[in-house]
PDB file of all heavy atoms in Angstrom:
ATOM      1  N   ASN A   1     -11.532 -22.580 159.577  1.00  0.00           N
ATOM      2  CA  ASN A   1     -11.278 -22.174 158.194  1.00  0.00           C
ATOM      3  C   ASN A   1      -9.880 -22.552 157.714  1.00  0.00           C
ATOM      4  O   ASN A   1      -9.537 -22.294 156.566  1.00  0.00           O
ATOM      5  CB  ASN A   1     -11.458 -20.659 158.050  1.00  0.00           C
ATOM      6  CG  ASN A   1     -12.883 -20.225 158.335  1.00  0.00           C
ATOM      7  OD1 ASN A   1     -13.826 -20.870 157.877  1.00  0.00           O
ATOM      8  ND2 ASN A   1     -13.048 -19.153 159.100  1.00  0.00           N
ATOM      9  N   GLN A   2      -9.076 -23.150 158.586  1.00  0.00           N
ATOM     10  CA  GLN A   2      -7.711 -23.432 158.189  1.00  0.00           C
ATOM     11  C   GLN A   2      -7.602 -24.711 157.379  1.00  0.00           C
ATOM     12  O   GLN A   2      -8.419 -25.630 157.499  1.00  0.00           O
ATOM     13  CB  GLN A   2      -6.801 -23.529 159.423  1.00  0.00           C
ATOM     14  CG  GLN A   2      -6.923 -24.840 160.197  1.00  0.00           C
ATOM     15  CD  GLN A   2      -5.986 -24.914 161.379  1.00  0.00           C
ATOM     16  OE1 GLN A   2      -6.304 -24.452 162.475  1.00  0.00           O
ATOM     17  NE2 GLN A   2      -4.820 -25.502 161.163  1.00  0.00           N
ATOM     18  N   GLN A   3      -6.620 -24.777 156.513  1.00  0.00           N
ATOM     19  CA  GLN A   3      -6.326 -25.980 155.752  1.00  0.00           C
ATOM     20  C   GLN A   3      -5.417 -26.877 156.593  1.00  0.00           C
ATOM     21  O   GLN A   3      -4.527 -26.400 157.288  1.00  0.00           O
ATOM     22  CB  GLN A   3      -5.628 -25.606 154.441  1.00  0.00           C
ATOM     23  CG  GLN A   3      -5.416 -26.785 153.498  1.00  0.00           C
ATOM     24  CD  GLN A   3      -4.706 -26.369 152.228  1.00  0.00           C
ATOM     25  OE1 GLN A   3      -3.500 -26.160 152.224  1.00  0.00           O
ATOM     26  NE2 GLN A   3      -5.463 -26.216 151.157  1.00  0.00           N
ATOM     27  N   TYR A   4      -5.647 -28.174 156.530  1.00  0.00           N
ATOM     28  CA  TYR A   4      -4.827 -29.104 157.299  1.00  0.00           C
ATOM     29  C   TYR A   4      -4.725 -30.424 156.550  1.00  0.00           C
ATOM     30  O   TYR A   4      -5.532 -30.721 155.662  1.00  0.00           O
ATOM     31  CB  TYR A   4      -5.397 -29.320 158.699  1.00  0.00           C
ATOM     32  CG  TYR A   4      -6.840 -29.795 158.729  1.00  0.00           C
ATOM     33  CD1 TYR A   4      -7.155 -31.140 158.890  1.00  0.00           C
ATOM     34  CD2 TYR A   4      -7.893 -28.889 158.603  1.00  0.00           C
ATOM     35  CE1 TYR A   4      -8.468 -31.578 158.912  1.00  0.00           C
ATOM     36  CE2 TYR A   4      -9.214 -29.305 158.625  1.00  0.00           C
ATOM     37  CZ  TYR A   4      -9.494 -30.648 158.778  1.00  0.00           C
ATOM     38  OH  TYR A   4     -10.802 -31.076 158.794  1.00  0.00           O
ATOM     39  N   MET A   5      -3.716 -31.194 156.893  1.00  0.00           N
ATOM     40  CA  MET A   5      -3.497 -32.483 156.256  1.00  0.00           C
ATOM     41  C   MET A   5      -3.827 -33.598 157.241  1.00  0.00           C
ATOM     42  O   MET A   5      -3.513 -33.498 158.426  1.00  0.00           O
ATOM     43  CB  MET A   5      -2.050 -32.618 155.805  1.00  0.00           C
ATOM     44  CG  MET A   5      -1.770 -33.906 155.020  1.00  0.00           C
ATOM     45  SD  MET A   5      -0.051 -34.019 154.461  1.00  0.00           S
ATOM     46  CE  MET A   5       0.764 -34.386 156.004  1.00  0.00           C
ATOM     47  N   VAL A   6      -4.469 -34.647 156.739  1.00  0.00           N
ATOM     48  CA  VAL A   6      -4.688 -35.848 157.531  1.00  0.00           C
ATOM     49  C   VAL A   6      -3.869 -36.973 156.903  1.00  0.00           C
ATOM     50  O   VAL A   6      -3.945 -37.229 155.704  1.00  0.00           O
ATOM     51  CB  VAL A   6      -6.181 -36.226 157.630  1.00  0.00           C
ATOM     52  CG1 VAL A   6      -6.922 -35.216 158.478  1.00  0.00           C
ATOM     53  CG2 VAL A   6      -6.834 -36.331 156.261  1.00  0.00           C
ATOM     54  N   HIS A   7      -3.054 -37.609 157.738  1.00  0.00           N
ATOM     55  CA  HIS A   7      -2.136 -38.656 157.306  1.00  0.00           C
ATOM     56  C   HIS A   7      -2.645 -39.980 157.862  1.00  0.00           C
ATOM     57  O   HIS A   7      -2.626 -40.196 159.077  1.00  0.00           O
ATOM     58  CB  HIS A   7      -0.741 -38.322 157.831  1.00  0.00           C
ATOM     59  CG  HIS A   7       0.291 -39.346 157.509  1.00  0.00           C
ATOM     60  ND1 HIS A   7       1.576 -39.286 158.025  1.00  0.00           N
ATOM     61  CD2 HIS A   7       0.262 -40.472 156.741  1.00  0.00           C
ATOM     62  CE1 HIS A   7       2.276 -40.313 157.583  1.00  0.00           C
ATOM     63  NE2 HIS A   7       1.505 -41.052 156.817  1.00  0.00           N
ATOM     64  N   ASP A   8      -3.142 -40.852 156.982  1.00  0.00           N
ATOM     65  CA  ASP A   8      -3.654 -42.155 157.419  1.00  0.00           C
ATOM     66  C   ASP A   8      -2.464 -43.062 157.723  1.00  0.00           C
ATOM     67  O   ASP A   8      -1.764 -43.523 156.813  1.00  0.00           O
ATOM     68  CB  ASP A   8      -4.536 -42.776 156.337  1.00  0.00           C
ATOM     69  CG  ASP A   8      -5.286 -43.999 156.840  1.00  0.00           C
ATOM     70  OD1 ASP A   8      -4.873 -44.564 157.876  1.00  0.00           O
ATOM     71  OD2 ASP A   8      -6.286 -44.393 156.216  1.00  0.00           O
ATOM     72  N   LEU A   9      -2.242 -43.334 158.980  1.00  0.00           N
ATOM     73  CA  LEU A   9      -1.089 -44.119 159.401  1.00  0.00           C
ATOM     74  C   LEU A   9      -1.260 -45.611 159.113  1.00  0.00           C
ATOM     75  O   LEU A   9      -0.291 -46.364 159.197  1.00  0.00           O
ATOM     76  CB  LEU A   9      -0.823 -43.896 160.893  1.00  0.00           C
ATOM     77  CG  LEU A   9      -0.577 -42.440 161.305  1.00  0.00           C
ATOM     78  CD1 LEU A   9      -0.353 -42.347 162.806  1.00  0.00           C
ATOM     79  CD2 LEU A   9       0.603 -41.840 160.558  1.00  0.00           C
ATOM     80  N   MET A  10      -2.464 -46.024 158.755  1.00  0.00           N
ATOM     81  CA  MET A  10      -2.682 -47.421 158.389  1.00  0.00           C
ATOM     82  C   MET A  10      -2.265 -47.685 156.939  1.00  0.00           C
ATOM     83  O   MET A  10      -1.783 -48.767 156.609  1.00  0.00           O
ATOM     84  CB  MET A  10      -4.150 -47.810 158.578  1.00  0.00           C
ATOM     85  CG  MET A  10      -4.668 -47.635 160.000  1.00  0.00           C
ATOM     86  SD  MET A  10      -3.843 -48.687 161.208  1.00  0.00           S
ATOM     87  CE  MET A  10      -4.409 -50.306 160.718  1.00  0.00           C
ATOM     88  N   THR A  11      -2.473 -46.695 156.058  1.00  0.00           N
ATOM     89  CA  THR A  11      -2.213 -46.888 154.631  1.00  0.00           C
ATOM     90  C   THR A  11      -1.127 -45.966 154.090  1.00  0.00           C
ATOM     91  O   THR A  11      -0.699 -46.136 152.950  1.00  0.00           O
ATOM     92  CB  THR A  11      -3.493 -46.633 153.830  1.00  0.00           C
ATOM     93  OG1 THR A  11      -3.894 -45.262 154.011  1.00  0.00           O
ATOM     94  CG2 THR A  11      -4.623 -47.550 154.289  1.00  0.00           C
ATOM     95  N   GLU A  12      -0.712 -44.966 154.901  1.00  0.00           N
ATOM     96  CA  GLU A  12       0.263 -43.945 154.512  1.00  0.00           C
ATOM     97  C   GLU A  12      -0.280 -42.970 153.475  1.00  0.00           C
ATOM     98  O   GLU A  12       0.470 -42.167 152.918  1.00  0.00           O
ATOM     99  CB  GLU A  12       1.572 -44.564 154.005  1.00  0.00           C
ATOM    100  CG  GLU A  12       2.322 -45.360 155.066  1.00  0.00           C
ATOM    101  CD  GLU A  12       2.687 -44.530 156.293  1.00  0.00           C
ATOM    102  OE1 GLU A  12       2.883 -43.333 156.159  1.00  0.00           O
ATOM    103  OE2 GLU A  12       2.739 -45.112 157.405  1.00  0.00           O
ATOM    104  N   HIS A  13      -1.577 -42.993 153.193  1.00  0.00           N
ATOM    105  CA  HIS A  13      -2.173 -41.990 152.313  1.00  0.00           C
ATOM    106  C   HIS A  13      -2.315 -40.672 153.066  1.00  0.00           C
ATOM    107  O   HIS A  13      -2.554 -40.655 154.278  1.00  0.00           O
ATOM    108  CB  HIS A  13      -3.544 -42.450 151.812  1.00  0.00           C
ATOM    109  CG  HIS A  13      -3.467 -43.600 150.864  1.00  0.00           C
ATOM    110  ND1 HIS A  13      -4.534 -44.430 150.594  1.00  0.00           N
ATOM    111  CD2 HIS A  13      -2.441 -44.077 150.110  1.00  0.00           C
ATOM    112  CE1 HIS A  13      -4.177 -45.354 149.725  1.00  0.00           C
ATOM    113  NE2 HIS A  13      -2.910 -45.167 149.414  1.00  0.00           N
ATOM    114  N   LYS A  14      -2.182 -39.566 152.316  1.00  0.00           N
ATOM    115  CA  LYS A  14      -2.303 -38.235 152.900  1.00  0.00           C
ATOM    116  C   LYS A  14      -3.308 -37.423 152.101  1.00  0.00           C
ATOM    117  O   LYS A  14      -3.341 -37.507 150.868  1.00  0.00           O
ATOM    118  CB  LYS A  14      -0.943 -37.524 152.919  1.00  0.00           C
ATOM    119  CG  LYS A  14       0.124 -38.239 153.741  1.00  0.00           C
ATOM    120  CD  LYS A  14       1.451 -37.507 153.680  1.00  0.00           C
ATOM    121  CE  LYS A  14       2.518 -38.249 154.489  1.00  0.00           C
ATOM    122  NZ  LYS A  14       3.829 -37.551 154.441  1.00  0.00           N
ATOM    123  N   TYR A  15      -4.106 -36.634 152.824  1.00  0.00           N
ATOM    124  CA  TYR A  15      -5.141 -35.835 152.182  1.00  0.00           C
ATOM    125  C   TYR A  15      -5.165 -34.442 152.792  1.00  0.00           C
ATOM    126  O   TYR A  15      -4.942 -34.290 153.990  1.00  0.00           O
ATOM    127  CB  TYR A  15      -6.518 -36.480 152.358  1.00  0.00           C
ATOM    128  CG  TYR A  15      -6.542 -37.968 152.056  1.00  0.00           C
ATOM    129  CD1 TYR A  15      -6.452 -38.910 153.088  1.00  0.00           C
ATOM    130  CD2 TYR A  15      -6.648 -38.431 150.754  1.00  0.00           C
ATOM    131  CE1 TYR A  15      -6.458 -40.265 152.822  1.00  0.00           C
ATOM    132  CE2 TYR A  15      -6.660 -39.793 150.472  1.00  0.00           C
ATOM    133  CZ  TYR A  15      -6.560 -40.704 151.506  1.00  0.00           C
ATOM    134  OH  TYR A  15      -6.570 -42.049 151.238  1.00  0.00           O
ATOM    135  N   THR A  16      -5.453 -33.452 151.966  1.00  0.00           N
ATOM    136  CA  THR A  16      -5.606 -32.089 152.453  1.00  0.00           C
ATOM    137  C   THR A  16      -7.089 -31.769 152.587  1.00  0.00           C
ATOM    138  O   THR A  16      -7.856 -31.937 151.629  1.00  0.00           O
ATOM    139  CB  THR A  16      -4.946 -31.081 151.489  1.00  0.00           C
ATOM    140  OG1 THR A  16      -3.560 -31.377 151.409  1.00  0.00           O
ATOM    141  CG2 THR A  16      -5.111 -29.661 152.006  1.00  0.00           C
ATOM    142  N   TRP A  17      -7.484 -31.352 153.778  1.00  0.00           N
ATOM    143  CA  TRP A  17      -8.866 -30.970 154.039  1.00  0.00           C
ATOM    144  C   TRP A  17      -8.926 -29.475 154.341  1.00  0.00           C
ATOM    145  O   TRP A  17      -7.962 -28.899 154.865  1.00  0.00           O
ATOM    146  CB  TRP A  17      -9.433 -31.767 155.223  1.00  0.00           C
ATOM    147  CG  TRP A  17      -9.705 -33.220 154.879  1.00  0.00           C
ATOM    148  CD1 TRP A  17      -9.607 -33.798 153.664  1.00  0.00           C
ATOM    149  CD2 TRP A  17     -10.123 -34.245 155.785  1.00  0.00           C
ATOM    150  NE1 TRP A  17      -9.933 -35.133 153.737  1.00  0.00           N
ATOM    151  CE2 TRP A  17     -10.255 -35.432 155.035  1.00  0.00           C
ATOM    152  CE3 TRP A  17     -10.391 -34.285 157.143  1.00  0.00           C
ATOM    153  CZ2 TRP A  17     -10.649 -36.638 155.606  1.00  0.00           C
ATOM    154  CZ3 TRP A  17     -10.782 -35.493 157.722  1.00  0.00           C
ATOM    155  CH2 TRP A  17     -10.922 -36.662 156.951  1.00  0.00           C
ATOM    156  N   ASN A  18     -10.070 -28.874 154.018  1.00  0.00           N
ATOM    157  CA  ASN A  18     -10.192 -27.423 154.124  1.00  0.00           C
ATOM    158  C   ASN A  18     -11.281 -26.963 155.077  1.00  0.00           C
ATOM    159  O   ASN A  18     -11.477 -25.761 155.254  1.00  0.00           O
ATOM    160  CB  ASN A  18     -10.456 -26.819 152.736  1.00  0.00           C
ATOM    161  CG  ASN A  18      -9.315 -27.064 151.786  1.00  0.00           C
ATOM    162  OD1 ASN A  18      -8.221 -26.549 151.988  1.00  0.00           O
ATOM    163  ND2 ASN A  18      -9.543 -27.874 150.751  1.00  0.00           N
ATOM    164  N   SER A  19     -12.014 -27.887 155.663  1.00  0.00           N
ATOM    165  CA  SER A  19     -13.109 -27.495 156.550  1.00  0.00           C
ATOM    166  C   SER A  19     -13.345 -28.600 157.563  1.00  0.00           C
ATOM    167  O   SER A  19     -12.668 -29.638 157.547  1.00  0.00           O
ATOM    168  CB  SER A  19     -14.383 -27.225 155.748  1.00  0.00           C
ATOM    169  OG  SER A  19     -14.847 -28.428 155.148  1.00  0.00           O
ATOM    170  N   GLU A  20     -14.338 -28.401 158.415  1.00  0.00           N
ATOM    171  CA  GLU A  20     -14.608 -29.415 159.431  1.00  0.00           C
ATOM    172  C   GLU A  20     -15.368 -30.614 158.862  1.00  0.00           C
ATOM    173  O   GLU A  20     -15.266 -31.716 159.391  1.00  0.00           O
ATOM    174  CB  GLU A  20     -15.387 -28.803 160.604  1.00  0.00           C
ATOM    175  CG  GLU A  20     -16.737 -28.237 160.240  1.00  0.00           C
ATOM    176  CD  GLU A  20     -17.481 -27.692 161.448  1.00  0.00           C
ATOM    177  OE1 GLU A  20     -16.968 -27.846 162.563  1.00  0.00           O
ATOM    178  OE2 GLU A  20     -18.569 -27.112 161.267  1.00  0.00           O
ATOM    179  N   TRP A  21     -16.118 -30.432 157.793  1.00  0.00           N
ATOM    180  CA  TRP A  21     -16.880 -31.529 157.196  1.00  0.00           C
ATOM    181  C   TRP A  21     -16.119 -32.097 156.007  1.00  0.00           C
ATOM    182  O   TRP A  21     -15.697 -31.368 155.114  1.00  0.00           O
ATOM    183  CB  TRP A  21     -18.260 -31.063 156.748  1.00  0.00           C
ATOM    184  CG  TRP A  21     -19.222 -30.879 157.883  1.00  0.00           C
ATOM    185  CD1 TRP A  21     -19.507 -29.737 158.551  1.00  0.00           C
ATOM    186  CD2 TRP A  21     -20.019 -31.904 158.483  1.00  0.00           C
ATOM    187  NE1 TRP A  21     -20.428 -29.956 159.539  1.00  0.00           N
ATOM    188  CE2 TRP A  21     -20.770 -31.287 159.522  1.00  0.00           C
ATOM    189  CE3 TRP A  21     -20.188 -33.267 158.259  1.00  0.00           C
ATOM    190  CZ2 TRP A  21     -21.663 -31.992 160.323  1.00  0.00           C
ATOM    191  CZ3 TRP A  21     -21.081 -33.972 159.047  1.00  0.00           C
ATOM    192  CH2 TRP A  21     -21.802 -33.340 160.067  1.00  0.00           C
ATOM    193  N   ASN A  22     -15.966 -33.419 155.986  1.00  0.00           N
ATOM    194  CA  ASN A  22     -15.211 -34.072 154.922  1.00  0.00           C
ATOM    195  C   ASN A  22     -15.826 -35.426 154.587  1.00  0.00           C
ATOM    196  O   ASN A  22     -16.430 -36.085 155.439  1.00  0.00           O
ATOM    197  CB  ASN A  22     -13.751 -34.251 155.337  1.00  0.00           C
ATOM    198  CG  ASN A  22     -13.055 -32.925 155.574  1.00  0.00           C
ATOM    199  OD1 ASN A  22     -12.556 -32.313 154.653  1.00  0.00           O
ATOM    200  ND2 ASN A  22     -13.050 -32.464 156.822  1.00  0.00           N
ATOM    201  N   TYR A  23     -15.640 -35.823 153.332  1.00  0.00           N
ATOM    202  CA  TYR A  23     -16.248 -37.051 152.823  1.00  0.00           C
ATOM    203  C   TYR A  23     -15.290 -38.225 152.980  1.00  0.00           C
ATOM    204  O   TYR A  23     -14.092 -38.107 152.724  1.00  0.00           O
ATOM    205  CB  TYR A  23     -16.606 -36.877 151.347  1.00  0.00           C
ATOM    206  CG  TYR A  23     -17.293 -38.063 150.726  1.00  0.00           C
ATOM    207  CD1 TYR A  23     -18.661 -38.271 150.893  1.00  0.00           C
ATOM    208  CD2 TYR A  23     -16.571 -38.989 149.970  1.00  0.00           C
ATOM    209  CE1 TYR A  23     -19.295 -39.368 150.313  1.00  0.00           C
ATOM    210  CE2 TYR A  23     -17.190 -40.091 149.388  1.00  0.00           C
ATOM    211  CZ  TYR A  23     -18.552 -40.265 149.571  1.00  0.00           C
ATOM    212  OH  TYR A  23     -19.176 -41.359 149.007  1.00  0.00           O
ATOM    213  N   VAL A  24     -15.825 -39.371 153.412  1.00  0.00           N
ATOM    214  CA  VAL A  24     -15.030 -40.588 153.533  1.00  0.00           C
ATOM    215  C   VAL A  24     -15.787 -41.761 152.933  1.00  0.00           C
ATOM    216  O   VAL A  24     -17.023 -41.742 152.823  1.00  0.00           O
ATOM    217  CB  VAL A  24     -14.680 -40.906 155.007  1.00  0.00           C
ATOM    218  CG1 VAL A  24     -13.845 -39.804 155.613  1.00  0.00           C
ATOM    219  CG2 VAL A  24     -15.947 -41.139 155.828  1.00  0.00           C
ATOM    220  N   GLU A  25     -15.038 -42.769 152.543  1.00  0.00           N
ATOM    221  CA  GLU A  25     -15.624 -44.018 152.045  1.00  0.00           C
ATOM    222  C   GLU A  25     -14.749 -45.159 152.521  1.00  0.00           C
ATOM    223  O   GLU A  25     -13.530 -45.158 152.296  1.00  0.00           O
ATOM    224  CB  GLU A  25     -15.709 -43.996 150.525  1.00  0.00           C
ATOM    225  CG  GLU A  25     -16.385 -45.229 149.932  1.00  0.00           C
ATOM    226  CD  GLU A  25     -16.677 -45.070 148.448  1.00  0.00           C
ATOM    227  OE1 GLU A  25     -17.397 -44.106 148.105  1.00  0.00           O
ATOM    228  OE2 GLU A  25     -16.157 -45.864 147.653  1.00  0.00           O
ATOM    229  N   LEU A  26     -15.343 -46.122 153.183  1.00  0.00           N
ATOM    230  CA  LEU A  26     -14.586 -47.211 153.789  1.00  0.00           C
ATOM    231  C   LEU A  26     -15.129 -48.556 153.312  1.00  0.00           C
ATOM    232  O   LEU A  26     -16.302 -48.880 153.523  1.00  0.00           O
ATOM    233  CB  LEU A  26     -14.661 -47.124 155.318  1.00  0.00           C
ATOM    234  CG  LEU A  26     -13.885 -45.959 155.938  1.00  0.00           C
ATOM    235  CD1 LEU A  26     -14.370 -45.687 157.350  1.00  0.00           C
ATOM    236  CD2 LEU A  26     -12.394 -46.256 155.939  1.00  0.00           C
ATOM    237  N   ARG A  27     -14.232 -49.331 152.690  1.00  0.00           N
ATOM    238  CA  ARG A  27     -14.589 -50.651 152.179  1.00  0.00           C
ATOM    239  C   ARG A  27     -14.061 -51.693 153.165  1.00  0.00           C
ATOM    240  O   ARG A  27     -12.844 -51.858 153.322  1.00  0.00           O
ATOM    241  CB  ARG A  27     -13.964 -50.857 150.805  1.00  0.00           C
ATOM    242  CG  ARG A  27     -14.460 -49.847 149.777  1.00  0.00           C
ATOM    243  CD  ARG A  27     -13.607 -49.853 148.540  1.00  0.00           C
ATOM    244  NE  ARG A  27     -14.104 -48.911 147.551  1.00  0.00           N
ATOM    245  CZ  ARG A  27     -13.450 -48.573 146.445  1.00  0.00           C
ATOM    246  NH1 ARG A  27     -12.243 -49.090 146.215  1.00  0.00           N
ATOM    247  NH2 ARG A  27     -13.976 -47.718 145.593  1.00  0.00           N
ATOM    248  N   PRO A  28     -14.935 -52.426 153.845  1.00  0.00           N
ATOM    249  CA  PRO A  28     -14.493 -53.282 154.962  1.00  0.00           C
ATOM    250  C   PRO A  28     -13.496 -54.358 154.565  1.00  0.00           C
ATOM    251  O   PRO A  28     -12.630 -54.717 155.367  1.00  0.00           O
ATOM    252  CB  PRO A  28     -15.797 -53.889 155.490  1.00  0.00           C
ATOM    253  CG  PRO A  28     -16.778 -53.733 154.371  1.00  0.00           C
ATOM    254  CD  PRO A  28     -16.394 -52.479 153.645  1.00  0.00           C
ATOM    255  N   HIS A  29     -13.576 -54.887 153.341  1.00  0.00           N
ATOM    256  CA  HIS A  29     -12.674 -55.973 152.967  1.00  0.00           C
ATOM    257  C   HIS A  29     -11.329 -55.445 152.456  1.00  0.00           C
ATOM    258  O   HIS A  29     -10.425 -56.240 152.172  1.00  0.00           O
ATOM    259  CB  HIS A  29     -13.335 -56.869 151.922  1.00  0.00           C
ATOM    260  CG  HIS A  29     -14.521 -57.616 152.480  1.00  0.00           C
ATOM    261  ND1 HIS A  29     -14.386 -58.719 153.299  1.00  0.00           N
ATOM    262  CD2 HIS A  29     -15.854 -57.382 152.380  1.00  0.00           C
ATOM    263  CE1 HIS A  29     -15.586 -59.156 153.660  1.00  0.00           C
ATOM    264  NE2 HIS A  29     -16.492 -58.362 153.125  1.00  0.00           N
ATOM    265  N   GLU A  30     -11.193 -54.099 152.360  1.00  0.00           N
ATOM    266  CA  GLU A  30      -9.896 -53.503 152.052  1.00  0.00           C
ATOM    267  C   GLU A  30      -9.275 -52.975 153.349  1.00  0.00           C
ATOM    268  O   GLU A  30      -8.280 -53.486 153.825  1.00  0.00           O
ATOM    269  CB  GLU A  30     -10.056 -52.397 151.013  1.00  0.00           C
ATOM    270  CG  GLU A  30     -10.497 -52.930 149.648  1.00  0.00           C
ATOM    271  CD  GLU A  30     -10.697 -51.819 148.635  1.00  0.00           C
ATOM    272  OE1 GLU A  30     -10.410 -50.636 148.967  1.00  0.00           O
ATOM    273  OE2 GLU A  30     -11.152 -52.117 147.517  1.00  0.00           O
ATOM    274  N   MET A  31      -9.885 -51.953 153.931  1.00  0.00           N
ATOM    275  CA  MET A  31      -9.477 -51.442 155.240  1.00  0.00           C
ATOM    276  C   MET A  31     -10.668 -50.685 155.819  1.00  0.00           C
ATOM    277  O   MET A  31     -11.046 -49.640 155.309  1.00  0.00           O
ATOM    278  CB  MET A  31      -8.259 -50.531 155.136  1.00  0.00           C
ATOM    279  CG  MET A  31      -7.746 -50.032 156.483  1.00  0.00           C
ATOM    280  SD  MET A  31      -7.299 -51.356 157.653  1.00  0.00           S
ATOM    281  CE  MET A  31      -5.879 -52.057 156.827  1.00  0.00           C
TER     282      MET A  31
END
């Protein structure tokens, strides 16, 4: 139930997630 941040070390983007299930989208020709 805790809030946590995920820091993408490939792009330096940071996101706050609030649960174990989270949505992602990955475009192969970008990253």
